[in-house]
Amino acid sequence: SIFGDSYADTLNIFFDPGFITLYGNNDWTAIDNA
């Protein structure tokens, strides 16, 4: 979900704790921010 204040341009973003499941047993990759 996302909620916020359009006048103040604020965004509050929510990731479900279950999102961690997508990472499996080290099934993830560290990508360069740049």
PDB file of all heavy atoms in Angstrom:
ATOM      1  N   SER A   1       0.836  -1.204   0.000  1.00  0.00           N
ATOM      2  CA  SER A   1       0.000   0.000   0.000  1.00  0.00           C
ATOM      3  C   SER A   1       0.871   1.255   0.000  1.00  0.00           C
ATOM      4  O   SER A   1       2.052   1.202   0.336  1.00  0.00           O
ATOM      5  CB  SER A   1      -0.931   0.028   1.220  1.00  0.00           C
ATOM      6  OG  SER A   1      -0.186   0.108   2.422  1.00  0.00           O
ATOM      7  N   ILE A   2       0.246   2.354  -0.395  1.00  0.00           N
ATOM      8  CA  ILE A   2       0.875   3.668  -0.336  1.00  0.00           C
ATOM      9  C   ILE A   2      -0.173   4.666   0.143  1.00  0.00           C
ATOM     10  O   ILE A   2      -1.315   4.629  -0.295  1.00  0.00           O
ATOM     11  CB  ILE A   2       1.400   4.119  -1.718  1.00  0.00           C
ATOM     12  CG1 ILE A   2       2.476   3.165  -2.233  1.00  0.00           C
ATOM     13  CG2 ILE A   2       1.975   5.529  -1.643  1.00  0.00           C
ATOM     14  CD1 ILE A   2       2.983   3.526  -3.618  1.00  0.00           C
ATOM     15  N   PHE A   3       0.218   5.533   1.049  1.00  0.00           N
ATOM     16  CA  PHE A   3      -0.667   6.621   1.458  1.00  0.00           C
ATOM     17  C   PHE A   3       0.185   7.857   1.697  1.00  0.00           C
ATOM     18  O   PHE A   3       1.404   7.767   1.837  1.00  0.00           O
ATOM     19  CB  PHE A   3      -1.477   6.257   2.704  1.00  0.00           C
ATOM     20  CG  PHE A   3      -0.642   5.943   3.923  1.00  0.00           C
ATOM     21  CD1 PHE A   3      -0.369   6.924   4.863  1.00  0.00           C
ATOM     22  CD2 PHE A   3      -0.131   4.673   4.131  1.00  0.00           C
ATOM     23  CE1 PHE A   3       0.398   6.651   5.989  1.00  0.00           C
ATOM     24  CE2 PHE A   3       0.633   4.376   5.244  1.00  0.00           C
ATOM     25  CZ  PHE A   3       0.896   5.373   6.184  1.00  0.00           C
ATOM     26  N   GLY A   4      -0.439   9.005   1.709  1.00  0.00           N
ATOM     27  CA  GLY A   4       0.346  10.221   1.903  1.00  0.00           C
ATOM     28  C   GLY A   4      -0.488  11.474   1.818  1.00  0.00           C
ATOM     29  O   GLY A   4      -1.711  11.438   1.954  1.00  0.00           O
ATOM     30  N   ASP A   5       0.177  12.572   1.573  1.00  0.00           N
ATOM     31  CA  ASP A   5      -0.440  13.905   1.506  1.00  0.00           C
ATOM     32  C   ASP A   5      -0.037  14.517   0.171  1.00  0.00           C
ATOM     33  O   ASP A   5       1.139  14.841  -0.037  1.00  0.00           O
ATOM     34  CB  ASP A   5       0.060  14.751   2.685  1.00  0.00           C
ATOM     35  CG  ASP A   5      -0.595  16.123   2.746  1.00  0.00           C
ATOM     36  OD1 ASP A   5      -1.054  16.618   1.696  1.00  0.00           O
ATOM     37  OD2 ASP A   5      -0.628  16.714   3.843  1.00  0.00           O
ATOM     38  N   SER A   6      -0.992  14.660  -0.725  1.00  0.00           N
ATOM     39  CA  SER A   6      -0.667  15.178  -2.060  1.00  0.00           C
ATOM     40  C   SER A   6      -0.226  16.631  -2.007  1.00  0.00           C
ATOM     41  O   SER A   6       0.577  17.069  -2.839  1.00  0.00           O
ATOM     42  CB  SER A   6      -1.867  15.030  -2.991  1.00  0.00           C
ATOM     43  OG  SER A   6      -3.002  15.698  -2.469  1.00  0.00           O
ATOM     44  N   TYR A   7      -0.716  17.397  -1.030  1.00  0.00           N
ATOM     45  CA  TYR A   7      -0.310  18.795  -0.923  1.00  0.00           C
ATOM     46  C   TYR A   7       1.139  18.909  -0.451  1.00  0.00           C
ATOM     47  O   TYR A   7       1.904  19.734  -0.934  1.00  0.00           O
ATOM     48  CB  TYR A   7      -1.224  19.553   0.049  1.00  0.00           C
ATOM     49  CG  TYR A   7      -2.613  19.836  -0.488  1.00  0.00           C
ATOM     50  CD1 TYR A   7      -3.586  20.405   0.324  1.00  0.00           C
ATOM     51  CD2 TYR A   7      -2.950  19.536  -1.795  1.00  0.00           C
ATOM     52  CE1 TYR A   7      -4.860  20.660  -0.167  1.00  0.00           C
ATOM     53  CE2 TYR A   7      -4.213  19.779  -2.293  1.00  0.00           C
ATOM     54  CZ  TYR A   7      -5.168  20.342  -1.476  1.00  0.00           C
ATOM     55  OH  TYR A   7      -6.416  20.595  -1.959  1.00  0.00           O
ATOM     56  N   ALA A   8       1.507  18.060   0.506  1.00  0.00           N
ATOM     57  CA  ALA A   8       2.865  18.103   1.065  1.00  0.00           C
ATOM     58  C   ALA A   8       3.836  17.206   0.296  1.00  0.00           C
ATOM     59  O   ALA A   8       5.022  17.166   0.607  1.00  0.00           O
ATOM     60  CB  ALA A   8       2.843  17.686   2.534  1.00  0.00           C
ATOM     61  N   ASP A   9       3.307  16.492  -0.709  1.00  0.00           N
ATOM     62  CA  ASP A   9       4.125  15.598  -1.534  1.00  0.00           C
ATOM     63  C   ASP A   9       4.796  14.504  -0.708  1.00  0.00           C
ATOM     64  O   ASP A   9       5.947  14.131  -0.947  1.00  0.00           O
ATOM     65  CB  ASP A   9       5.184  16.394  -2.315  1.00  0.00           C
ATOM     66  CG  ASP A   9       5.957  15.507  -3.296  1.00  0.00           C
ATOM     67  OD1 ASP A   9       5.357  14.574  -3.838  1.00  0.00           O
ATOM     68  OD2 ASP A   9       7.163  15.758  -3.491  1.00  0.00           O
ATOM     69  N   THR A  10       4.090  13.988   0.297  1.00  0.00           N
ATOM     70  CA  THR A  10       4.648  12.899   1.104  1.00  0.00           C
ATOM     71  C   THR A  10       4.107  11.560   0.623  1.00  0.00           C
ATOM     72  O   THR A  10       2.953  11.453   0.211  1.00  0.00           O
ATOM     73  CB  THR A  10       4.310  13.079   2.595  1.00  0.00           C
ATOM     74  OG1 THR A  10       2.893  13.145   2.755  1.00  0.00           O
ATOM     75  CG2 THR A  10       4.946  14.342   3.148  1.00  0.00           C
ATOM     76  N   LEU A  11       4.953  10.561   0.682  1.00  0.00           N
ATOM     77  CA  LEU A  11       4.579   9.199   0.313  1.00  0.00           C
ATOM     78  C   LEU A  11       4.996   8.264   1.434  1.00  0.00           C
ATOM     79  O   LEU A  11       6.126   8.330   1.918  1.00  0.00           O
ATOM     80  CB  LEU A  11       5.274   8.773  -0.978  1.00  0.00           C
ATOM     81  CG  LEU A  11       4.883   9.489  -2.275  1.00  0.00           C
ATOM     82  CD1 LEU A  11       5.819   9.051  -3.399  1.00  0.00           C
ATOM     83  CD2 LEU A  11       3.442   9.196  -2.646  1.00  0.00           C
ATOM     84  N   ASN A  12       4.086   7.416   1.862  1.00  0.00           N
ATOM     85  CA  ASN A  12       4.360   6.394   2.869  1.00  0.00           C
ATOM     86  C   ASN A  12       4.114   5.040   2.211  1.00  0.00           C
ATOM     87  O   ASN A  12       2.979   4.721   1.844  1.00  0.00           O
ATOM     88  CB  ASN A  12       3.462   6.577   4.088  1.00  0.00           C
ATOM     89  CG  ASN A  12       3.679   7.919   4.758  1.00  0.00           C
ATOM     90  OD1 ASN A  12       4.640   8.111   5.491  1.00  0.00           O
ATOM     91  ND2 ASN A  12       2.797   8.871   4.488  1.00  0.00           N
ATOM     92  N   ILE A  13       5.169   4.285   2.046  1.00  0.00           N
ATOM     93  CA  ILE A  13       5.113   3.044   1.271  1.00  0.00           C
ATOM     94  C   ILE A  13       5.297   1.853   2.201  1.00  0.00           C
ATOM     95  O   ILE A  13       6.158   1.862   3.080  1.00  0.00           O
ATOM     96  CB  ILE A  13       6.192   3.060   0.173  1.00  0.00           C
ATOM     97  CG1 ILE A  13       5.928   4.253  -0.763  1.00  0.00           C
ATOM     98  CG2 ILE A  13       6.221   1.749  -0.596  1.00  0.00           C
ATOM     99  CD1 ILE A  13       7.041   4.550  -1.728  1.00  0.00           C
ATOM    100  N   PHE A  14       4.459   0.825   1.988  1.00  0.00           N
ATOM    101  CA  PHE A  14       4.438  -0.316   2.901  1.00  0.00           C
ATOM    102  C   PHE A  14       4.726  -1.615   2.146  1.00  0.00           C
ATOM    103  O   PHE A  14       4.023  -1.961   1.198  1.00  0.00           O
ATOM    104  CB  PHE A  14       3.066  -0.414   3.585  1.00  0.00           C
ATOM    105  CG  PHE A  14       2.924  -1.555   4.544  1.00  0.00           C
ATOM    106  CD1 PHE A  14       3.473  -1.480   5.822  1.00  0.00           C
ATOM    107  CD2 PHE A  14       2.246  -2.705   4.187  1.00  0.00           C
ATOM    108  CE1 PHE A  14       3.337  -2.531   6.713  1.00  0.00           C
ATOM    109  CE2 PHE A  14       2.109  -3.757   5.067  1.00  0.00           C
ATOM    110  CZ  PHE A  14       2.657  -3.678   6.332  1.00  0.00           C
ATOM    111  N   PHE A  15       5.793  -2.306   2.562  1.00  0.00           N
ATOM    112  CA  PHE A  15       6.089  -3.654   2.083  1.00  0.00           C
ATOM    113  C   PHE A  15       5.601  -4.657   3.128  1.00  0.00           C
ATOM    114  O   PHE A  15       5.940  -4.543   4.306  1.00  0.00           O
ATOM    115  CB  PHE A  15       7.596  -3.853   1.894  1.00  0.00           C
ATOM    116  CG  PHE A  15       8.165  -3.251   0.645  1.00  0.00           C
ATOM    117  CD1 PHE A  15       8.730  -1.987   0.673  1.00  0.00           C
ATOM    118  CD2 PHE A  15       8.146  -3.943  -0.558  1.00  0.00           C
ATOM    119  CE1 PHE A  15       9.277  -1.422  -0.470  1.00  0.00           C
ATOM    120  CE2 PHE A  15       8.685  -3.396  -1.711  1.00  0.00           C
ATOM    121  CZ  PHE A  15       9.249  -2.127  -1.673  1.00  0.00           C
ATOM    122  N   ASP A  16       4.834  -5.645   2.689  1.00  0.00           N
ATOM    123  CA  ASP A  16       4.391  -6.688   3.598  1.00  0.00           C
ATOM    124  C   ASP A  16       5.597  -7.471   4.118  1.00  0.00           C
ATOM    125  O   ASP A  16       6.548  -7.734   3.366  1.00  0.00           O
ATOM    126  CB  ASP A  16       3.449  -7.641   2.862  1.00  0.00           C
ATOM    127  CG  ASP A  16       2.772  -8.613   3.803  1.00  0.00           C
ATOM    128  OD1 ASP A  16       3.418  -9.615   4.190  1.00  0.00           O
ATOM    129  OD2 ASP A  16       1.606  -8.385   4.149  1.00  0.00           O
ATOM    130  N   PRO A  17       5.611  -7.859   5.407  1.00  0.00           N
ATOM    131  CA  PRO A  17       6.724  -8.672   5.926  1.00  0.00           C
ATOM    132  C   PRO A  17       6.951  -9.956   5.130  1.00  0.00           C
ATOM    133  O   PRO A  17       8.076 -10.462   5.061  1.00  0.00           O
ATOM    134  CB  PRO A  17       6.293  -8.976   7.364  1.00  0.00           C
ATOM    135  CG  PRO A  17       5.435  -7.802   7.741  1.00  0.00           C
ATOM    136  CD  PRO A  17       4.676  -7.449   6.498  1.00  0.00           C
ATOM    137  N   GLY A  18       5.879 -10.471   4.509  1.00  0.00           N
ATOM    138  CA  GLY A  18       6.014 -11.685   3.715  1.00  0.00           C
ATOM    139  C   GLY A  18       6.858 -11.500   2.465  1.00  0.00           C
ATOM    140  O   GLY A  18       7.244 -12.485   1.820  1.00  0.00           O
ATOM    141  N   PHE A  19       7.180 -10.252   2.139  1.00  0.00           N
ATOM    142  CA  PHE A  19       8.037  -9.959   0.981  1.00  0.00           C
ATOM    143  C   PHE A  19       9.386 -10.663   1.116  1.00  0.00           C
ATOM    144  O   PHE A  19      10.033 -10.973   0.118  1.00  0.00           O
ATOM    145  CB  PHE A  19       8.229  -8.444   0.884  1.00  0.00           C
ATOM    146  CG  PHE A  19       8.903  -7.953  -0.365  1.00  0.00           C
ATOM    147  CD1 PHE A  19       8.211  -7.862  -1.558  1.00  0.00           C
ATOM    148  CD2 PHE A  19      10.233  -7.568  -0.341  1.00  0.00           C
ATOM    149  CE1 PHE A  19       8.832  -7.398  -2.722  1.00  0.00           C
ATOM    150  CE2 PHE A  19      10.867  -7.102  -1.493  1.00  0.00           C
ATOM    151  CZ  PHE A  19      10.162  -7.023  -2.682  1.00  0.00           C
ATOM    152  N   ILE A  20       9.785 -10.940   2.366  1.00  0.00           N
ATOM    153  CA  ILE A  20      11.072 -11.589   2.612  1.00  0.00           C
ATOM    154  C   ILE A  20      11.132 -12.967   1.951  1.00  0.00           C
ATOM    155  O   ILE A  20      12.216 -13.458   1.611  1.00  0.00           O
ATOM    156  CB  ILE A  20      11.329 -11.719   4.146  1.00  0.00           C
ATOM    157  CG1 ILE A  20      12.789 -12.075   4.429  1.00  0.00           C
ATOM    158  CG2 ILE A  20      10.406 -12.748   4.758  1.00  0.00           C
ATOM    159  CD1 ILE A  20      13.754 -10.993   4.089  1.00  0.00           C
ATOM    160  N   THR A  21       9.974 -13.596   1.763  1.00  0.00           N
ATOM    161  CA  THR A  21       9.922 -14.928   1.165  1.00  0.00           C
ATOM    162  C   THR A  21      10.531 -14.942  -0.232  1.00  0.00           C
ATOM    163  O   THR A  21      11.091 -15.953  -0.668  1.00  0.00           O
ATOM    164  CB  THR A  21       8.458 -15.411   1.088  1.00  0.00           C
ATOM    165  OG1 THR A  21       7.846 -15.267   2.366  1.00  0.00           O
ATOM    166  CG2 THR A  21       8.384 -16.867   0.663  1.00  0.00           C
ATOM    167  N   LEU A  22      10.437 -13.814  -0.940  1.00  0.00           N
ATOM    168  CA  LEU A  22      10.967 -13.746  -2.300  1.00  0.00           C
ATOM    169  C   LEU A  22      12.487 -13.936  -2.339  1.00  0.00           C
ATOM    170  O   LEU A  22      13.051 -14.244  -3.385  1.00  0.00           O
ATOM    171  CB  LEU A  22      10.600 -12.407  -2.941  1.00  0.00           C
ATOM    172  CG  LEU A  22       9.102 -12.114  -3.084  1.00  0.00           C
ATOM    173  CD1 LEU A  22       8.887 -10.744  -3.692  1.00  0.00           C
ATOM    174  CD2 LEU A  22       8.427 -13.184  -3.935  1.00  0.00           C
ATOM    175  N   TYR A  23      13.134 -13.732  -1.191  1.00  0.00           N
ATOM    176  CA  TYR A  23      14.588 -13.872  -1.129  1.00  0.00           C
ATOM    177  C   TYR A  23      15.014 -15.322  -0.900  1.00  0.00           C
ATOM    178  O   TYR A  23      16.203 -15.632  -0.964  1.00  0.00           O
ATOM    179  CB  TYR A  23      15.158 -12.961  -0.043  1.00  0.00           C
ATOM    180  CG  TYR A  23      15.063 -11.494  -0.414  1.00  0.00           C
ATOM    181  CD1 TYR A  23      13.885 -10.790  -0.245  1.00  0.00           C
ATOM    182  CD2 TYR A  23      16.153 -10.826  -0.960  1.00  0.00           C
ATOM    183  CE1 TYR A  23      13.784  -9.442  -0.612  1.00  0.00           C
ATOM    184  CE2 TYR A  23      16.069  -9.494  -1.323  1.00  0.00           C
ATOM    185  CZ  TYR A  23      14.882  -8.811  -1.150  1.00  0.00           C
ATOM    186  OH  TYR A  23      14.787  -7.493  -1.517  1.00  0.00           O
ATOM    187  N   GLY A  24      14.014 -16.202  -0.620  1.00  0.00           N
ATOM    188  CA  GLY A  24      14.278 -17.623  -0.488  1.00  0.00           C
ATOM    189  C   GLY A  24      15.451 -17.921   0.420  1.00  0.00           C
ATOM    190  O   GLY A  24      15.670 -17.255   1.435  1.00  0.00           O
ATOM    191  N   ASN A  25      16.218 -18.930   0.059  1.00  0.00           N
ATOM    192  CA  ASN A  25      17.420 -19.306   0.800  1.00  0.00           C
ATOM    193  C   ASN A  25      18.627 -18.733   0.051  1.00  0.00           C
ATOM    194  O   ASN A  25      19.300 -19.416  -0.704  1.00  0.00           O
ATOM    195  CB  ASN A  25      17.510 -20.829   0.915  1.00  0.00           C
ATOM    196  CG  ASN A  25      18.664 -21.257   1.788  1.00  0.00           C
ATOM    197  OD1 ASN A  25      19.262 -20.435   2.488  1.00  0.00           O
ATOM    198  ND2 ASN A  25      18.993 -22.541   1.756  1.00  0.00           N
ATOM    199  N   ASN A  26      18.824 -17.417   0.273  1.00  0.00           N
ATOM    200  CA  ASN A  26      19.879 -16.678  -0.422  1.00  0.00           C
ATOM    201  C   ASN A  26      19.654 -16.601  -1.938  1.00  0.00           C
ATOM    202  O   ASN A  26      20.607 -16.537  -2.714  1.00  0.00           O
ATOM    203  CB  ASN A  26      21.256 -17.287  -0.136  1.00  0.00           C
ATOM    204  CG  ASN A  26      21.646 -17.122   1.322  1.00  0.00           C
ATOM    205  OD1 ASN A  26      21.412 -16.077   1.918  1.00  0.00           O
ATOM    206  ND2 ASN A  26      22.224 -18.164   1.901  1.00  0.00           N
ATOM    207  N   ASP A  27      18.377 -16.569  -2.349  1.00  0.00           N
ATOM    208  CA  ASP A  27      18.039 -16.439  -3.771  1.00  0.00           C
ATOM    209  C   ASP A  27      17.887 -14.965  -4.134  1.00  0.00           C
ATOM    210  O   ASP A  27      16.800 -14.498  -4.500  1.00  0.00           O
ATOM    211  CB  ASP A  27      16.748 -17.211  -4.082  1.00  0.00           C
ATOM    212  CG  ASP A  27      16.938 -18.709  -3.990  1.00  0.00           C
ATOM    213  OD1 ASP A  27      17.841 -19.220  -4.666  1.00  0.00           O
ATOM    214  OD2 ASP A  27      16.193 -19.355  -3.227  1.00  0.00           O
ATOM    215  N   TRP A  28      18.971 -14.221  -4.004  1.00  0.00           N
ATOM    216  CA  TRP A  28      18.952 -12.797  -4.314  1.00  0.00           C
ATOM    217  C   TRP A  28      20.326 -12.374  -4.805  1.00  0.00           C
ATOM    218  O   TRP A  28      21.305 -13.107  -4.662  1.00  0.00           O
ATOM    219  CB  TRP A  28      18.547 -11.981  -3.078  1.00  0.00           C
ATOM    220  CG  TRP A  28      19.435 -12.167  -1.878  1.00  0.00           C
ATOM    221  CD1 TRP A  28      19.370 -13.192  -0.969  1.00  0.00           C
ATOM    222  CD2 TRP A  28      20.527 -11.340  -1.462  1.00  0.00           C
ATOM    223  NE1 TRP A  28      20.348 -13.051  -0.009  1.00  0.00           N
ATOM    224  CE2 TRP A  28      21.076 -11.913  -0.298  1.00  0.00           C
ATOM    225  CE3 TRP A  28      21.092 -10.163  -1.969  1.00  0.00           C
ATOM    226  CZ2 TRP A  28      22.157 -11.350   0.380  1.00  0.00           C
ATOM    227  CZ3 TRP A  28      22.177  -9.603  -1.292  1.00  0.00           C
ATOM    228  CH2 TRP A  28      22.689 -10.184  -0.139  1.00  0.00           C
ATOM    229  N   THR A  29      20.364 -11.183  -5.390  1.00  0.00           N
ATOM    230  CA  THR A  29      21.608 -10.658  -5.937  1.00  0.00           C
ATOM    231  C   THR A  29      21.783  -9.214  -5.491  1.00  0.00           C
ATOM    232  O   THR A  29      20.806  -8.446  -5.472  1.00  0.00           O
ATOM    233  CB  THR A  29      21.602 -10.724  -7.475  1.00  0.00           C
ATOM    234  OG1 THR A  29      21.426 -12.090  -7.881  1.00  0.00           O
ATOM    235  CG2 THR A  29      22.895 -10.180  -8.061  1.00  0.00           C
ATOM    236  N   ALA A  30      22.996  -8.841  -5.141  1.00  0.00           N
ATOM    237  CA  ALA A  30      23.296  -7.455  -4.777  1.00  0.00           C
ATOM    238  C   ALA A  30      23.676  -6.711  -6.055  1.00  0.00           C
ATOM    239  O   ALA A  30      24.690  -7.027  -6.678  1.00  0.00           O
ATOM    240  CB  ALA A  30      24.437  -7.405  -3.770  1.00  0.00           C
ATOM    241  N   ILE A  31      22.850  -5.747  -6.446  1.00  0.00           N
ATOM    242  CA  ILE A  31      23.135  -4.989  -7.663  1.00  0.00           C
ATOM    243  C   ILE A  31      23.672  -3.611  -7.288  1.00  0.00           C
ATOM    244  O   ILE A  31      23.341  -3.058  -6.238  1.00  0.00           O
ATOM    245  CB  ILE A  31      21.901  -4.865  -8.565  1.00  0.00           C
ATOM    246  CG1 ILE A  31      20.797  -4.051  -7.880  1.00  0.00           C
ATOM    247  CG2 ILE A  31      21.381  -6.228  -8.957  1.00  0.00           C
ATOM    248  CD1 ILE A  31      19.693  -3.670  -8.821  1.00  0.00           C
ATOM    249  N   ASP A  32      24.490  -3.072  -8.149  1.00  0.00           N
ATOM    250  CA  ASP A  32      25.140  -1.794  -7.897  1.00  0.00           C
ATOM    251  C   ASP A  32      24.138  -0.658  -7.993  1.00  0.00           C
ATOM    252  O   ASP A  32      23.444  -0.497  -8.999  1.00  0.00           O
ATOM    253  CB  ASP A  32      26.263  -1.581  -8.914  1.00  0.00           C
ATOM    254  CG  ASP A  32      27.240  -0.492  -8.489  1.00  0.00           C
ATOM    255  OD1 ASP A  32      26.779   0.511  -7.918  1.00  0.00           O
ATOM    256  OD2 ASP A  32      28.446  -0.650  -8.730  1.00  0.00           O
ATOM    257  N   ASN A  33      24.052   0.143  -6.938  1.00  0.00           N
ATOM    258  CA  ASN A  33      23.123   1.274  -6.895  1.00  0.00           C
ATOM    259  C   ASN A  33      23.392   2.254  -8.029  1.00  0.00           C
ATOM    260  O   ASN A  33      22.473   2.839  -8.608  1.00  0.00           O
ATOM    261  CB  ASN A  33      23.247   1.993  -5.545  1.00  0.00           C
ATOM    262  CG  ASN A  33      21.975   2.698  -5.151  1.00  0.00           C
ATOM    263  OD1 ASN A  33      21.156   3.016  -6.007  1.00  0.00           O
ATOM    264  ND2 ASN A  33      21.810   2.956  -3.873  1.00  0.00           N
ATOM    265  N   ALA A  34      24.652   2.416  -8.363  1.00  0.00           N
ATOM    266  CA  ALA A  34      25.014   3.368  -9.416  1.00  0.00           C
ATOM    267  C   ALA A  34      24.455   2.947 -10.775  1.00  0.00           C
ATOM    268  O   ALA A  34      24.109   3.800 -11.603  1.00  0.00           O
ATOM    269  CB  ALA A  34      26.530   3.509  -9.502  1.00  0.00           C
TER     270      ALA A  34
END
